[in-house]
């Protein structure tokens, strides 16, 4: 079986410092949330988001990350983007572009079906909060360009 030409997940394994600004902000906030520093997960994420004037997005980020059981976030200093983090970034980007079905499909990679359906409104709320503050994720996939196995 030939493997040449198969699409790869955007950002997967790439240097996290090389991400576009909005993706890097969201990734840093999610990793800070997972690290649970002295201020608590939501406050840690809000501190990162406040640096870009989007601290209100932490109100949607916290419950979203809590309800995604298979989301594995790397530590704040991990140099590469993990598969779970890539799926989260793509899901938020899809929600910002109004593609709820694609966002839901990407959430299914991070949660069982019922949990993914329950997480969708939180994901859309986070996407809208980021977009209102000018943080538009540059990465989005059309369903025809999804990597195989999606």
N, C-alpha and C. Protein backbone atom coordinates (compact mmCIF):
# COMPACT_ATOMS: atom_id res chain seq x y z
N UNK A 1 0.84 -1.19 0.00
CA UNK A 1 0.00 0.00 0.00
C UNK A 1 0.88 1.24 0.00
N UNK A 2 0.63 2.11 -0.91
CA UNK A 2 1.41 3.34 -1.01
C UNK A 2 0.97 4.32 0.06
N UNK A 3 1.91 4.98 0.65
CA UNK A 3 1.58 5.98 1.66
C UNK A 3 1.94 7.38 1.22
N UNK A 4 2.45 7.53 0.04
CA UNK A 4 2.79 8.85 -0.46
C UNK A 4 1.53 9.64 -0.78
N UNK A 5 1.52 10.88 -0.42
CA UNK A 5 0.38 11.73 -0.77
C UNK A 5 -0.74 11.72 0.24
N UNK A 6 -0.64 10.90 1.29
CA UNK A 6 -1.69 10.92 2.31
C UNK A 6 -1.57 12.21 3.10
N UNK A 7 -2.68 12.88 3.38
CA UNK A 7 -2.60 14.13 4.12
C UNK A 7 -2.19 13.87 5.57
N UNK A 8 -1.57 14.86 6.17
CA UNK A 8 -1.15 14.78 7.56
C UNK A 8 -1.93 15.81 8.37
N UNK A 9 -2.07 15.58 9.66
CA UNK A 9 -2.75 16.54 10.53
C UNK A 9 -1.96 17.83 10.56
N UNK A 10 -2.63 18.95 10.36
CA UNK A 10 -1.93 20.23 10.49
C UNK A 10 -1.40 20.40 11.92
N UNK A 11 -0.22 20.89 12.01
CA UNK A 11 0.45 21.21 13.28
C UNK A 11 0.97 19.99 14.02
N UNK A 12 0.52 18.78 13.72
CA UNK A 12 0.92 17.62 14.48
C UNK A 12 2.42 17.43 14.41
N UNK A 13 3.06 17.46 15.58
CA UNK A 13 4.50 17.29 15.66
C UNK A 13 5.31 18.51 15.31
N UNK A 14 4.64 19.59 14.88
CA UNK A 14 5.36 20.82 14.54
C UNK A 14 5.77 21.55 15.81
N UNK A 15 6.68 22.47 15.64
CA UNK A 15 7.16 23.29 16.75
C UNK A 15 6.02 24.20 17.22
N UNK A 16 5.68 24.12 18.48
CA UNK A 16 4.56 24.90 18.99
C UNK A 16 4.85 26.40 18.98
N UNK A 17 6.11 26.78 18.98
CA UNK A 17 6.45 28.21 18.90
C UNK A 17 6.24 28.78 17.50
N UNK A 18 6.13 27.90 16.50
CA UNK A 18 5.97 28.36 15.12
C UNK A 18 4.50 28.48 14.71
N UNK A 19 3.58 28.23 15.64
CA UNK A 19 2.16 28.34 15.33
C UNK A 19 1.77 29.80 15.08
N UNK A 20 0.72 30.01 14.29
CA UNK A 20 0.19 31.38 14.17
C UNK A 20 -0.25 31.91 15.54
N UNK A 21 -0.36 33.21 15.66
CA UNK A 21 -0.60 33.86 16.96
C UNK A 21 -1.84 33.33 17.69
N UNK A 22 -2.97 33.21 17.00
CA UNK A 22 -4.20 32.78 17.67
C UNK A 22 -4.10 31.33 18.15
N UNK A 23 -3.52 30.46 17.32
CA UNK A 23 -3.35 29.06 17.72
C UNK A 23 -2.41 28.94 18.91
N UNK A 24 -1.34 29.72 18.88
CA UNK A 24 -0.37 29.69 19.98
C UNK A 24 -1.02 30.17 21.28
N UNK A 25 -1.82 31.22 21.20
CA UNK A 25 -2.51 31.73 22.38
C UNK A 25 -3.43 30.67 22.98
N UNK A 26 -4.24 30.03 22.14
CA UNK A 26 -5.15 29.00 22.62
C UNK A 26 -4.39 27.81 23.19
N UNK A 27 -3.34 27.40 22.53
CA UNK A 27 -2.54 26.27 23.00
C UNK A 27 -1.87 26.60 24.34
N UNK A 28 -1.31 27.79 24.45
CA UNK A 28 -0.69 28.19 25.72
C UNK A 28 -1.70 28.23 26.85
N UNK A 29 -2.90 28.75 26.58
CA UNK A 29 -3.94 28.83 27.60
C UNK A 29 -4.39 27.43 28.03
N UNK A 30 -4.57 26.53 27.06
CA UNK A 30 -4.99 25.17 27.39
C UNK A 30 -3.92 24.44 28.18
N UNK A 31 -2.66 24.62 27.79
CA UNK A 31 -1.56 23.98 28.54
C UNK A 31 -1.43 24.55 29.94
N UNK A 32 -1.62 25.86 30.09
CA UNK A 32 -1.58 26.47 31.42
C UNK A 32 -2.72 25.94 32.28
N UNK A 33 -3.88 25.76 31.67
CA UNK A 33 -5.03 25.19 32.38
C UNK A 33 -4.70 23.79 32.88
N UNK A 34 -4.07 22.99 32.04
CA UNK A 34 -3.75 21.60 32.41
C UNK A 34 -2.65 21.53 33.45
N UNK A 35 -1.76 22.51 33.47
CA UNK A 35 -0.65 22.49 34.42
C UNK A 35 -1.10 22.80 35.85
N UNK A 36 -2.25 23.39 36.01
CA UNK A 36 -2.81 23.73 37.32
C UNK A 36 -1.79 24.39 38.23
N UNK A 37 -1.45 25.60 37.89
CA UNK A 37 -0.52 26.37 38.70
C UNK A 37 -1.15 26.83 40.01
N UNK A 38 -0.48 27.69 40.73
CA UNK A 38 -0.95 28.11 42.06
C UNK A 38 -2.29 28.86 42.05
N UNK A 39 -2.65 29.48 40.94
CA UNK A 39 -3.90 30.24 40.88
C UNK A 39 -5.11 29.37 40.53
N UNK A 40 -4.87 28.12 40.15
CA UNK A 40 -5.96 27.25 39.73
C UNK A 40 -6.06 27.24 38.22
N UNK A 41 -6.68 26.20 37.66
CA UNK A 41 -6.67 26.05 36.19
C UNK A 41 -7.32 27.19 35.43
N UNK A 42 -8.48 27.65 35.86
CA UNK A 42 -9.16 28.71 35.10
C UNK A 42 -8.41 30.03 35.19
N UNK A 43 -7.87 30.33 36.36
CA UNK A 43 -7.12 31.58 36.52
C UNK A 43 -5.82 31.55 35.72
N UNK A 44 -5.18 30.39 35.67
CA UNK A 44 -3.95 30.27 34.90
C UNK A 44 -4.23 30.51 33.42
N UNK A 45 -5.31 29.91 32.91
CA UNK A 45 -5.69 30.11 31.51
C UNK A 45 -6.09 31.56 31.26
N UNK A 46 -6.82 32.16 32.21
CA UNK A 46 -7.26 33.55 32.05
C UNK A 46 -6.07 34.51 32.00
N UNK A 47 -5.02 34.21 32.75
CA UNK A 47 -3.82 35.07 32.71
C UNK A 47 -3.19 35.06 31.32
N UNK A 48 -3.12 33.89 30.70
CA UNK A 48 -2.57 33.80 29.35
C UNK A 48 -3.47 34.54 28.36
N UNK A 49 -4.77 34.29 28.45
CA UNK A 49 -5.71 34.92 27.53
C UNK A 49 -5.78 36.43 27.73
N UNK A 50 -5.57 36.91 28.96
CA UNK A 50 -5.61 38.35 29.23
C UNK A 50 -4.47 39.07 28.53
N UNK A 51 -3.38 38.37 28.26
CA UNK A 51 -2.25 39.01 27.57
C UNK A 51 -2.64 39.46 26.16
N UNK A 52 -3.70 38.86 25.61
CA UNK A 52 -4.18 39.26 24.29
C UNK A 52 -5.54 39.93 24.36
N UNK A 53 -6.00 40.24 25.57
CA UNK A 53 -7.29 40.91 25.73
C UNK A 53 -8.49 40.00 25.55
N UNK A 54 -8.30 38.71 25.75
CA UNK A 54 -9.40 37.75 25.56
C UNK A 54 -9.68 36.96 26.83
N UNK A 55 -9.53 37.58 27.98
CA UNK A 55 -9.70 36.86 29.24
C UNK A 55 -11.10 36.27 29.41
N UNK A 56 -12.10 36.83 28.76
CA UNK A 56 -13.45 36.30 28.84
C UNK A 56 -13.58 34.91 28.22
N UNK A 57 -12.67 34.56 27.33
CA UNK A 57 -12.71 33.23 26.71
C UNK A 57 -12.42 32.13 27.71
N UNK A 58 -11.80 32.46 28.83
CA UNK A 58 -11.50 31.45 29.86
C UNK A 58 -12.77 30.88 30.45
N UNK A 59 -13.85 31.66 30.43
CA UNK A 59 -15.13 31.17 30.96
C UNK A 59 -15.68 30.03 30.10
N UNK A 60 -15.32 29.97 28.84
CA UNK A 60 -15.73 28.87 27.96
C UNK A 60 -14.67 27.79 27.88
N UNK A 61 -13.40 28.18 27.99
CA UNK A 61 -12.32 27.21 27.89
C UNK A 61 -12.34 26.22 29.04
N UNK A 62 -12.58 26.70 30.25
CA UNK A 62 -12.55 25.83 31.43
C UNK A 62 -13.57 24.69 31.35
N UNK A 63 -14.86 24.95 31.14
CA UNK A 63 -15.80 23.82 31.09
C UNK A 63 -15.58 22.93 29.86
N UNK A 64 -15.10 23.51 28.76
CA UNK A 64 -14.83 22.70 27.57
C UNK A 64 -13.74 21.68 27.86
N UNK A 65 -12.63 22.14 28.42
CA UNK A 65 -11.52 21.22 28.69
C UNK A 65 -11.88 20.19 29.75
N UNK A 66 -12.73 20.57 30.68
CA UNK A 66 -13.15 19.62 31.73
C UNK A 66 -13.99 18.47 31.17
N UNK A 67 -14.72 18.72 30.09
CA UNK A 67 -15.61 17.67 29.59
C UNK A 67 -15.00 16.87 28.44
N UNK A 68 -13.73 17.04 28.14
CA UNK A 68 -13.07 16.27 27.10
C UNK A 68 -12.11 15.26 27.75
N UNK A 69 -12.60 14.05 28.05
CA UNK A 69 -11.81 13.11 28.85
C UNK A 69 -10.56 12.57 28.16
N UNK A 70 -10.54 12.49 26.85
CA UNK A 70 -9.36 11.92 26.19
C UNK A 70 -8.43 12.99 25.63
N UNK A 71 -8.66 14.24 25.99
CA UNK A 71 -7.78 15.32 25.58
C UNK A 71 -6.51 15.26 26.42
N UNK A 72 -5.39 15.08 25.77
CA UNK A 72 -4.11 15.02 26.47
C UNK A 72 -3.30 16.25 26.08
N UNK A 73 -3.17 17.15 27.04
CA UNK A 73 -2.42 18.38 26.80
C UNK A 73 -1.00 18.21 27.33
N UNK A 74 -0.05 18.66 26.56
CA UNK A 74 1.35 18.60 26.97
C UNK A 74 1.63 19.68 28.01
N UNK A 75 2.79 19.61 28.59
CA UNK A 75 3.20 20.63 29.55
C UNK A 75 3.47 21.96 28.87
N UNK A 76 3.51 23.03 29.63
CA UNK A 76 3.69 24.37 29.05
C UNK A 76 4.96 24.53 28.23
N UNK A 77 5.99 23.76 28.53
CA UNK A 77 7.26 23.93 27.82
C UNK A 77 7.50 22.85 26.77
N UNK A 78 6.51 21.98 26.53
CA UNK A 78 6.69 20.95 25.52
C UNK A 78 6.83 21.60 24.15
N UNK A 79 7.85 21.23 23.38
CA UNK A 79 8.12 21.96 22.13
C UNK A 79 7.26 21.60 20.93
N UNK A 80 6.47 20.53 21.01
CA UNK A 80 5.72 20.08 19.84
C UNK A 80 4.23 20.01 20.13
N UNK A 81 3.44 20.06 19.07
CA UNK A 81 1.98 19.97 19.18
C UNK A 81 1.59 18.50 19.15
N UNK A 82 0.76 18.08 20.12
CA UNK A 82 0.32 16.69 20.18
C UNK A 82 -0.91 16.48 19.30
N UNK A 83 -1.30 15.23 19.11
CA UNK A 83 -2.46 14.93 18.28
C UNK A 83 -3.74 15.50 18.88
N UNK A 84 -3.91 15.39 20.19
CA UNK A 84 -5.09 15.94 20.85
C UNK A 84 -5.14 17.45 20.71
N UNK A 85 -4.00 18.08 20.89
CA UNK A 85 -3.95 19.54 20.78
C UNK A 85 -4.26 19.99 19.35
N UNK A 86 -3.77 19.25 18.37
CA UNK A 86 -4.07 19.56 16.98
C UNK A 86 -5.56 19.45 16.70
N UNK A 87 -6.20 18.40 17.22
CA UNK A 87 -7.65 18.23 17.03
C UNK A 87 -8.42 19.37 17.69
N UNK A 88 -7.98 19.81 18.86
CA UNK A 88 -8.65 20.91 19.55
C UNK A 88 -8.52 22.21 18.74
N UNK A 89 -7.33 22.50 18.26
CA UNK A 89 -7.12 23.72 17.47
C UNK A 89 -7.96 23.69 16.19
N UNK A 90 -8.01 22.54 15.53
CA UNK A 90 -8.80 22.42 14.31
C UNK A 90 -10.29 22.56 14.60
N UNK A 91 -10.74 22.00 15.73
CA UNK A 91 -12.16 22.08 16.08
C UNK A 91 -12.57 23.53 16.34
N UNK A 92 -11.74 24.28 17.04
CA UNK A 92 -12.05 25.69 17.29
C UNK A 92 -12.03 26.47 15.98
N UNK A 93 -11.07 26.19 15.11
CA UNK A 93 -11.01 26.86 13.81
C UNK A 93 -12.24 26.55 12.96
N UNK A 94 -12.68 25.29 12.99
CA UNK A 94 -13.88 24.92 12.23
C UNK A 94 -15.11 25.62 12.78
N UNK A 95 -15.21 25.71 14.11
CA UNK A 95 -16.35 26.40 14.72
C UNK A 95 -16.34 27.89 14.38
N UNK A 96 -15.16 28.49 14.31
CA UNK A 96 -15.08 29.90 13.94
C UNK A 96 -15.53 30.13 12.51
N UNK A 97 -15.35 29.15 11.65
CA UNK A 97 -15.77 29.30 10.26
C UNK A 97 -17.20 28.86 10.05
N UNK A 98 -17.88 28.44 11.12
CA UNK A 98 -19.28 28.06 11.01
C UNK A 98 -19.52 26.63 10.60
N UNK A 99 -18.51 25.81 10.60
CA UNK A 99 -18.65 24.40 10.21
C UNK A 99 -18.84 23.55 11.47
N UNK A 100 -20.08 23.55 11.97
CA UNK A 100 -20.37 22.83 13.21
C UNK A 100 -20.21 21.32 13.05
N UNK A 101 -20.55 20.78 11.88
CA UNK A 101 -20.44 19.34 11.70
C UNK A 101 -18.98 18.90 11.70
N UNK A 102 -18.10 19.68 11.09
CA UNK A 102 -16.68 19.37 11.12
C UNK A 102 -16.14 19.51 12.53
N UNK A 103 -16.55 20.55 13.25
CA UNK A 103 -16.12 20.74 14.63
C UNK A 103 -16.57 19.56 15.50
N UNK A 104 -17.80 19.10 15.29
CA UNK A 104 -18.30 17.96 16.05
C UNK A 104 -17.50 16.71 15.71
N UNK A 105 -17.19 16.50 14.45
CA UNK A 105 -16.37 15.36 14.06
C UNK A 105 -15.01 15.38 14.72
N UNK A 106 -14.41 16.55 14.83
CA UNK A 106 -13.12 16.67 15.50
C UNK A 106 -13.25 16.46 17.00
N UNK A 107 -14.37 16.88 17.58
CA UNK A 107 -14.60 16.63 19.01
C UNK A 107 -14.72 15.14 19.30
N UNK A 108 -15.22 14.38 18.33
CA UNK A 108 -15.34 12.93 18.52
C UNK A 108 -13.98 12.27 18.69
N UNK A 109 -12.92 12.94 18.27
CA UNK A 109 -11.58 12.41 18.49
C UNK A 109 -11.14 12.63 19.93
N UNK A 110 -11.84 13.52 20.64
CA UNK A 110 -11.44 13.88 22.00
C UNK A 110 -12.42 13.41 23.07
N UNK A 111 -13.55 12.89 22.66
CA UNK A 111 -14.57 12.49 23.63
C UNK A 111 -15.51 11.47 23.01
N UNK A 112 -16.18 10.68 23.84
CA UNK A 112 -17.20 9.78 23.31
C UNK A 112 -18.36 10.58 22.73
N UNK A 113 -19.21 9.95 21.92
CA UNK A 113 -20.25 10.68 21.18
C UNK A 113 -21.13 11.61 22.02
N UNK A 114 -21.72 11.11 23.08
CA UNK A 114 -22.62 11.95 23.88
C UNK A 114 -21.87 13.13 24.49
N UNK A 115 -20.68 12.90 24.97
CA UNK A 115 -19.88 13.97 25.56
C UNK A 115 -19.49 14.99 24.49
N UNK A 116 -19.18 14.51 23.29
CA UNK A 116 -18.82 15.43 22.20
C UNK A 116 -20.00 16.34 21.85
N UNK A 117 -21.21 15.76 21.81
CA UNK A 117 -22.40 16.58 21.54
C UNK A 117 -22.60 17.62 22.64
N UNK A 118 -22.36 17.23 23.87
CA UNK A 118 -22.52 18.19 24.98
C UNK A 118 -21.44 19.26 24.97
N UNK A 119 -20.27 18.93 24.43
CA UNK A 119 -19.16 19.88 24.40
C UNK A 119 -19.27 20.88 23.25
N UNK A 120 -20.07 20.56 22.24
CA UNK A 120 -20.16 21.42 21.06
C UNK A 120 -20.58 22.86 21.37
N UNK A 121 -21.62 23.09 22.20
CA UNK A 121 -21.96 24.49 22.51
C UNK A 121 -20.84 25.24 23.22
N UNK A 122 -20.08 24.54 24.06
CA UNK A 122 -18.95 25.18 24.73
C UNK A 122 -17.86 25.53 23.73
N UNK A 123 -17.63 24.62 22.78
CA UNK A 123 -16.63 24.87 21.75
C UNK A 123 -17.03 26.07 20.89
N UNK A 124 -18.29 26.13 20.51
CA UNK A 124 -18.78 27.25 19.70
C UNK A 124 -18.68 28.55 20.49
N UNK A 125 -19.00 28.51 21.78
CA UNK A 125 -18.87 29.70 22.62
C UNK A 125 -17.43 30.18 22.72
N UNK A 126 -16.50 29.23 22.88
CA UNK A 126 -15.08 29.59 22.93
C UNK A 126 -14.63 30.19 21.60
N UNK A 127 -15.04 29.56 20.50
CA UNK A 127 -14.67 30.05 19.18
C UNK A 127 -15.20 31.47 18.96
N UNK A 128 -16.42 31.72 19.36
CA UNK A 128 -17.01 33.05 19.21
C UNK A 128 -16.31 34.08 20.09
N UNK A 129 -16.00 33.71 21.32
CA UNK A 129 -15.31 34.63 22.23
C UNK A 129 -13.94 35.01 21.67
N UNK A 130 -13.23 34.04 21.13
CA UNK A 130 -11.92 34.34 20.54
C UNK A 130 -12.07 35.21 19.29
N UNK A 131 -13.06 34.90 18.47
CA UNK A 131 -13.26 35.66 17.23
C UNK A 131 -13.66 37.10 17.51
N UNK A 132 -14.52 37.30 18.53
CA UNK A 132 -14.94 38.66 18.89
C UNK A 132 -13.76 39.52 19.32
N UNK A 133 -12.77 38.89 19.93
CA UNK A 133 -11.61 39.65 20.40
C UNK A 133 -10.51 39.74 19.34
N UNK A 134 -10.78 39.26 18.14
CA UNK A 134 -9.82 39.38 17.05
C UNK A 134 -8.87 38.21 16.91
N UNK A 135 -9.07 37.16 17.66
CA UNK A 135 -8.20 35.99 17.59
C UNK A 135 -8.84 34.93 16.70
N UNK A 136 -8.58 35.02 15.41
CA UNK A 136 -9.15 34.09 14.44
C UNK A 136 -8.09 33.05 14.09
N UNK A 137 -8.43 31.79 14.30
CA UNK A 137 -7.50 30.72 14.00
C UNK A 137 -7.34 30.57 12.50
N UNK A 138 -6.11 30.51 12.05
CA UNK A 138 -5.82 30.46 10.62
C UNK A 138 -6.02 29.07 10.04
N UNK A 139 -5.91 28.05 10.86
CA UNK A 139 -5.99 26.69 10.36
C UNK A 139 -7.42 26.21 10.35
N UNK A 140 -7.87 25.80 9.20
CA UNK A 140 -9.19 25.19 9.06
C UNK A 140 -9.10 24.16 7.95
N UNK A 141 -9.88 23.13 8.09
CA UNK A 141 -9.89 22.06 7.09
C UNK A 141 -11.25 21.96 6.46
N UNK A 142 -11.27 21.71 5.20
CA UNK A 142 -12.51 21.35 4.54
C UNK A 142 -12.68 19.85 4.74
N UNK A 143 -13.91 19.35 4.83
CA UNK A 143 -14.10 17.92 5.04
C UNK A 143 -13.38 17.06 4.01
N UNK A 144 -13.24 17.52 2.78
CA UNK A 144 -12.56 16.74 1.76
C UNK A 144 -11.05 16.68 1.98
N UNK A 145 -10.51 17.56 2.82
CA UNK A 145 -9.07 17.59 3.05
C UNK A 145 -8.68 16.96 4.38
N UNK A 146 -9.63 16.32 5.08
CA UNK A 146 -9.32 15.69 6.35
C UNK A 146 -8.36 14.53 6.14
N UNK A 147 -7.44 14.32 7.08
CA UNK A 147 -6.57 13.15 6.99
C UNK A 147 -7.38 11.86 7.06
N UNK A 148 -6.88 10.82 6.45
CA UNK A 148 -7.57 9.54 6.49
C UNK A 148 -7.66 9.05 7.92
N UNK A 149 -8.72 8.33 8.22
CA UNK A 149 -8.93 7.83 9.57
C UNK A 149 -9.77 8.76 10.40
N UNK A 150 -10.22 9.86 9.83
CA UNK A 150 -11.04 10.83 10.57
C UNK A 150 -12.45 10.36 10.58
